[in-house]
Amino acid sequence: MKKVAVVKGSEVSIGPFYLEDFIQDKESRAIVTVTKKELKKLAENLKLDYTDREIALSKKLLNAYLSKR
């Protein structure tokens, strides 16, 4: 059960209702990451030669870029 606090009417403050205070940006909620599997498939589709080391570096760079965005 939740506890309920009883207050007097004089203790309550009344202010304007701003809808923006309750809405979150969809972009900030979505966490986008790139996987090695996705990068390998992309490289194969583009017919690019790659090594596992290059894929790992690409993954780190892209995830860092997307997290700061």
C-alpha atoms as a PDB file:
ATOM      1  CA  MET A   1       0.000   0.000   0.000  1.00  0.00           C
ATOM      2  CA  LYS A   2       1.077   3.560  -0.641  1.00  0.00           C
ATOM      3  CA  LYS A   3       1.226   6.121   2.106  1.00  0.00           C
ATOM      4  CA  VAL A   4      -0.959   9.176   1.715  1.00  0.00           C
ATOM      5  CA  ALA A   5      -0.111  12.574   3.138  1.00  0.00           C
ATOM      6  CA  VAL A   6      -2.976  14.820   4.167  1.00  0.00           C
ATOM      7  CA  VAL A   7      -2.352  18.536   3.667  1.00  0.00           C
ATOM      8  CA  LYS A   8      -4.348  21.680   4.237  1.00  0.00           C
ATOM      9  CA  GLY A   9      -5.614  23.798   1.383  1.00  0.00           C
ATOM     10  CA  SER A  10      -3.335  26.649   2.381  1.00  0.00           C
ATOM     11  CA  GLU A  11      -0.269  24.383   1.953  1.00  0.00           C
ATOM     12  CA  VAL A  12      -1.038  23.646  -1.698  1.00  0.00           C
ATOM     13  CA  SER A  13       0.464  25.888  -4.355  1.00  0.00           C
ATOM     14  CA  ILE A  14      -1.367  26.504  -7.600  1.00  0.00           C
ATOM     15  CA  GLY A  15       0.537  27.121 -10.840  1.00  0.00           C
ATOM     16  CA  PRO A  16       0.043  26.931 -14.579  1.00  0.00           C
ATOM     17  CA  PHE A  17      -0.029  23.529 -16.274  1.00  0.00           C
ATOM     18  CA  TYR A  18       2.693  23.111 -18.902  1.00  0.00           C
ATOM     19  CA  LEU A  19       2.222  20.024 -21.046  1.00  0.00           C
ATOM     20  CA  GLU A  20       5.885  20.114 -22.105  1.00  0.00           C
ATOM     21  CA  ASP A  21       6.895  19.295 -18.520  1.00  0.00           C
ATOM     22  CA  PHE A  22       5.296  15.862 -18.889  1.00  0.00           C
ATOM     23  CA  ILE A  23       6.358  14.980 -22.442  1.00  0.00           C
ATOM     24  CA  GLN A  24       9.747  13.436 -23.129  1.00  0.00           C
ATOM     25  CA  ASP A  25      11.551  13.687 -26.438  1.00  0.00           C
ATOM     26  CA  LYS A  26      11.296  10.461 -28.386  1.00  0.00           C
ATOM     27  CA  GLU A  27      14.899  10.800 -29.551  1.00  0.00           C
ATOM     28  CA  SER A  28      16.280  11.043 -26.043  1.00  0.00           C
ATOM     29  CA  ARG A  29      14.405   7.921 -24.927  1.00  0.00           C
ATOM     30  CA  ALA A  30      15.615   5.730 -27.773  1.00  0.00           C
ATOM     31  CA  ILE A  31      19.003   4.166 -27.222  1.00  0.00           C
ATOM     32  CA  VAL A  32      20.539   3.229 -30.535  1.00  0.00           C
ATOM     33  CA  THR A  33      23.553   0.953 -30.692  1.00  0.00           C
ATOM     34  CA  VAL A  34      25.333  -0.766 -33.544  1.00  0.00           C
ATOM     35  CA  THR A  35      26.350  -4.412 -33.341  1.00  0.00           C
ATOM     36  CA  LYS A  36      29.284  -6.161 -34.959  1.00  0.00           C
ATOM     37  CA  LYS A  37      26.848  -8.420 -36.790  1.00  0.00           C
ATOM     38  CA  GLU A  38      25.104  -5.430 -38.375  1.00  0.00           C
ATOM     39  CA  LEU A  39      28.416  -3.902 -39.416  1.00  0.00           C
ATOM     40  CA  LYS A  40      29.595  -7.183 -40.956  1.00  0.00           C
ATOM     41  CA  LYS A  41      26.375  -7.552 -42.946  1.00  0.00           C
ATOM     42  CA  LEU A  42      26.647  -3.955 -44.144  1.00  0.00           C
ATOM     43  CA  ALA A  43      30.256  -4.459 -45.218  1.00  0.00           C
ATOM     44  CA  GLU A  44      29.320  -7.641 -47.080  1.00  0.00           C
ATOM     45  CA  ASN A  45      26.419  -5.919 -48.829  1.00  0.00           C
ATOM     46  CA  LEU A  46      28.760  -3.127 -49.912  1.00  0.00           C
ATOM     47  CA  LYS A  47      31.370  -5.734 -50.926  1.00  0.00           C
ATOM     48  CA  LEU A  48      34.012  -4.261 -48.628  1.00  0.00           C
ATOM     49  CA  ASP A  49      36.985  -6.151 -47.212  1.00  0.00           C
ATOM     50  CA  TYR A  50      37.231  -5.972 -43.433  1.00  0.00           C
ATOM     51  CA  THR A  51      38.910  -7.528 -40.414  1.00  0.00           C
ATOM     52  CA  ASP A  52      37.445  -8.162 -36.999  1.00  0.00           C
ATOM     53  CA  ARG A  53      39.685  -5.451 -35.605  1.00  0.00           C
ATOM     54  CA  GLU A  54      38.288  -2.883 -38.053  1.00  0.00           C
ATOM     55  CA  ILE A  55      34.715  -3.934 -37.234  1.00  0.00           C
ATOM     56  CA  ALA A  56      35.402  -3.565 -33.486  1.00  0.00           C
ATOM     57  CA  LEU A  57      36.877  -0.083 -33.991  1.00  0.00           C
ATOM     58  CA  SER A  58      33.964   0.945 -36.202  1.00  0.00           C
ATOM     59  CA  LYS A  59      31.497  -0.285 -33.602  1.00  0.00           C
ATOM     60  CA  LYS A  60      33.172   1.697 -30.821  1.00  0.00           C
ATOM     61  CA  LEU A  61      33.313   4.866 -32.915  1.00  0.00           C
ATOM     62  CA  LEU A  62      29.703   4.661 -34.090  1.00  0.00           C
ATOM     63  CA  ASN A  63      28.319   3.877 -30.624  1.00  0.00           C
ATOM     64  CA  ALA A  64      30.279   6.777 -29.107  1.00  0.00           C
ATOM     65  CA  TYR A  65      29.002   9.120 -31.833  1.00  0.00           C
ATOM     66  CA  LEU A  66      25.392   7.983 -31.405  1.00  0.00           C
ATOM     67  CA  SER A  67      25.496   8.255 -27.611  1.00  0.00           C
ATOM     68  CA  LYS A  68      26.670  11.908 -27.779  1.00  0.00           C
ATOM     69  CA  ARG A  69      24.039  12.778 -30.346  1.00  0.00           C
END
